[in-house]
Amino acid sequence: MPLYVGLVHKDPESCYGISFPDAPGCFSAADDAADIFAMAQEALTLWLEGMVEDNLPIARPRTIEEIRHDPDWRESVADSVFAIGVNLSTVHKVAA
């Protein structure tokens, strides 16, 4: 199964946030970096369930390299703390 790339950000005095370039509107947050993996998987699972229920098209997940070259996401990739790849059964950390 392809991995959905999640970009993790952290501003001073805030929690860790994650967004998915290929899952519009899908995001989550956690106070601790170690918790972002479970939160990311839960958020993506709920997002995909909603897309299926609403009979909406689901974008093919792109690689981190494809996202890095997308002008709409280039800055977000550069500003991320790290990126993770998420499928519905496991979470894998990938280089940002």
Protein backbone atom coordinates (compact mmCIF):
# COMPACT_ATOMS: atom_id res chain seq x y z
CA MET A 1 0.00 0.00 0.00
CA PRO A 2 1.38 3.46 -0.87
CA LEU A 3 2.37 5.76 1.98
CA TYR A 4 0.76 9.13 2.61
CA VAL A 5 3.43 11.67 3.54
CA GLY A 6 2.70 13.66 6.68
CA LEU A 7 4.70 16.82 7.39
CA VAL A 8 5.34 17.49 11.07
CA HIS A 9 5.81 21.07 12.26
CA LYS A 10 6.60 22.56 15.65
CA ASP A 11 6.43 26.23 16.54
CA PRO A 12 7.90 27.49 19.79
CA GLU A 13 5.40 27.22 22.64
CA SER A 14 3.09 24.94 20.64
CA CYS A 15 2.39 21.26 20.15
CA TYR A 16 3.56 19.19 17.17
CA GLY A 17 1.22 19.45 14.19
CA ILE A 18 0.95 17.20 11.17
CA SER A 19 -0.66 17.76 7.78
CA PHE A 20 -0.92 15.58 4.70
CA PRO A 21 -0.31 17.19 1.29
CA ASP A 22 -2.32 14.48 -0.49
CA ALA A 23 -5.17 14.40 2.04
CA PRO A 24 -6.65 17.92 2.02
CA GLY A 25 -8.13 18.87 5.37
CA CYS A 26 -6.47 15.98 7.19
CA PHE A 27 -4.37 17.14 10.12
CA SER A 28 -3.69 16.38 13.76
CA ALA A 29 -1.53 17.46 16.69
CA ALA A 30 0.20 16.04 19.75
CA ASP A 31 2.04 17.50 22.73
CA ASP A 32 4.87 14.97 22.44
CA ALA A 33 6.70 14.04 19.23
CA ALA A 34 6.39 10.34 20.06
CA ASP A 35 2.59 10.66 20.07
CA ILE A 36 2.36 12.23 16.61
CA PHE A 37 2.69 8.81 14.93
CA ALA A 38 -0.50 7.42 16.47
CA MET A 39 -2.33 10.71 15.96
CA ALA A 40 -1.28 10.78 12.30
CA GLN A 41 -2.51 7.25 11.69
CA GLU A 42 -5.83 7.97 13.42
CA ALA A 43 -6.34 11.22 11.49
CA LEU A 44 -5.57 9.62 8.13
CA THR A 45 -7.82 6.64 8.86
CA LEU A 46 -10.74 8.92 9.74
CA TRP A 47 -10.09 11.09 6.70
CA LEU A 48 -10.07 8.10 4.34
CA GLU A 49 -13.24 6.67 5.92
CA GLY A 50 -14.95 10.02 5.39
CA MET A 51 -13.83 10.21 1.78
CA VAL A 52 -15.18 6.70 1.09
CA GLU A 53 -18.48 7.42 2.90
CA ASP A 54 -18.94 10.62 0.88
CA ASN A 55 -17.94 8.85 -2.35
CA LEU A 56 -15.20 11.43 -2.97
CA PRO A 57 -12.06 10.78 -5.02
CA ILE A 58 -8.94 9.86 -3.07
CA ALA A 59 -5.70 11.28 -4.43
CA ARG A 60 -2.81 8.96 -5.20
CA PRO A 61 -0.23 9.59 -2.48
CA ARG A 62 2.98 11.13 -3.79
CA THR A 63 6.51 10.46 -2.65
CA ILE A 64 8.37 12.95 -0.48
CA GLU A 65 10.43 13.85 -3.57
CA GLU A 66 7.30 14.66 -5.58
CA ILE A 67 5.93 16.79 -2.75
CA ARG A 68 9.30 18.52 -2.28
CA HIS A 69 9.12 19.67 -5.93
CA ASP A 70 5.49 20.88 -5.66
CA PRO A 71 5.62 24.70 -5.42
CA ASP A 72 2.57 24.68 -3.12
CA TRP A 73 4.36 22.47 -0.57
CA ARG A 74 8.07 23.26 -1.08
CA GLU A 75 8.24 25.74 1.82
CA SER A 76 6.23 23.52 4.14
CA VAL A 77 8.58 20.59 3.47
CA ALA A 78 11.60 22.81 4.14
CA ASP A 79 10.09 24.11 7.40
CA SER A 80 9.02 20.70 8.71
CA VAL A 81 10.71 19.12 11.73
CA PHE A 82 10.40 15.71 10.06
CA ALA A 83 8.12 13.82 7.72
CA ILE A 84 6.48 10.44 8.18
CA GLY A 85 4.93 8.02 5.74
CA VAL A 86 1.60 6.62 6.88
CA ASN A 87 -0.43 3.70 5.60
CA LEU A 88 -3.42 2.30 7.42
CA SER A 89 -1.52 -0.40 9.29
CA THR A 90 1.89 1.06 10.18
CA VAL A 91 3.72 4.35 10.46
CA HIS A 92 7.22 4.77 8.98
CA LYS A 93 9.54 7.71 9.50
CA VAL A 94 11.08 9.07 6.30
CA ALA A 95 13.63 11.80 5.65
CA ALA A 96 12.23 15.31 5.21
